[in-house]
Amino acid sequence: MRARVGFAVPKAAGGSVTRNRLKRRLREAARMSLDQLGPQWNVVFQARAAALKAPFANLKKEVEKLFSRCARS
C-alpha cells in the first residue's frame, strides 16, 4: 500500500483546460516527492489559481516541505 494523493480544484480557478493544467503541475510535484510519505497517508491538495503562475521549482519545494512535515508527525 502506498500513500494516496488527491487534488481538488474549484471552478473559480478557471476553465477545464486551466484546472487540468493545474492538476497536472501539482500531480508531478507530488509524484517527485511521494517517497517521503509513509503508506498510512492520504493527502488532498486544495489548489489555488496562484499555483498555476508559480514557478514549478517553488511548487515542488512547497510540496516537499509539506510531505516532510507529514513524515515527521
Protein backbone atom coordinates (compact mmCIF):
# COMPACT_ATOMS: atom_id res chain seq x y z
CA MET A 1 0.00 0.00 0.00
CA ARG A 2 1.23 3.50 -0.84
CA ALA A 3 0.35 6.96 0.28
CA ARG A 4 -2.51 8.43 -1.70
CA VAL A 5 -2.74 11.96 -3.05
CA GLY A 6 -5.85 13.74 -4.33
CA PHE A 7 -6.44 17.12 -5.90
CA ALA A 8 -9.40 19.48 -5.59
CA VAL A 9 -9.51 22.40 -7.98
CA PRO A 10 -12.51 24.75 -7.81
CA LYS A 11 -14.21 26.03 -10.94
CA ALA A 12 -13.26 29.53 -9.83
CA ALA A 13 -9.66 28.66 -10.78
CA GLY A 14 -10.66 28.82 -14.45
CA GLY A 15 -11.95 26.69 -17.28
CA SER A 16 -11.39 22.97 -17.62
CA VAL A 17 -8.12 23.41 -19.53
CA THR A 18 -6.73 25.64 -16.77
CA ARG A 19 -7.93 23.35 -13.99
CA ASN A 20 -6.44 20.28 -15.67
CA ARG A 21 -3.12 22.04 -16.22
CA LEU A 22 -3.07 23.00 -12.55
CA LYS A 23 -3.77 19.39 -11.52
CA ARG A 24 -1.00 18.11 -13.81
CA ARG A 25 1.52 20.50 -12.26
CA LEU A 26 0.54 19.50 -8.73
CA ARG A 27 0.46 15.81 -9.62
CA GLU A 28 4.01 15.94 -10.99
CA ALA A 29 5.31 17.86 -7.97
CA ALA A 30 3.68 15.32 -5.64
CA ARG A 31 4.95 12.35 -7.67
CA MET A 32 8.54 13.55 -7.35
CA SER A 33 8.29 13.63 -3.53
CA LEU A 34 5.85 10.81 -2.82
CA ASP A 35 8.55 8.52 -1.43
CA GLN A 36 8.86 10.82 1.62
CA LEU A 37 5.41 9.78 2.85
CA GLY A 38 4.58 6.60 4.67
CA PRO A 39 1.84 4.33 3.37
CA GLN A 40 -0.65 5.49 6.00
CA TRP A 41 -1.03 8.97 4.47
CA ASN A 42 -3.92 10.29 2.39
CA VAL A 43 -3.22 13.86 1.29
CA VAL A 44 -5.67 16.16 -0.52
CA PHE A 45 -4.39 19.33 -2.14
CA GLN A 46 -6.84 22.23 -2.34
CA ALA A 47 -5.43 24.04 -5.35
CA ARG A 48 -5.48 27.79 -5.80
CA ALA A 49 -5.17 29.69 -9.07
CA ALA A 50 -1.89 31.23 -7.87
CA ALA A 51 -0.26 27.78 -8.09
CA LEU A 52 -0.62 27.99 -11.86
CA LYS A 53 1.53 31.12 -12.05
CA ALA A 54 4.13 29.96 -9.52
CA PRO A 55 7.43 28.62 -10.87
CA PHE A 56 7.49 24.83 -10.80
CA ALA A 57 10.59 24.82 -8.59
CA ASN A 58 8.70 26.78 -5.91
CA LEU A 59 5.70 24.48 -6.21
CA LYS A 60 7.90 21.41 -5.85
CA LYS A 61 9.68 22.92 -2.84
CA GLU A 62 6.37 23.59 -1.07
CA VAL A 63 5.14 20.04 -1.70
CA GLU A 64 8.43 18.65 -0.36
CA LYS A 65 8.07 20.83 2.73
CA LEU A 66 4.52 19.58 3.32
CA PHE A 67 5.49 15.94 2.85
CA SER A 68 8.45 16.25 5.21
CA ARG A 69 6.16 17.74 7.87
CA CYS A 70 3.79 14.79 7.41
CA ALA A 71 6.64 12.30 7.67
CA ARG A 72 7.80 13.81 10.97
CA SER A 73 4.39 13.52 12.64
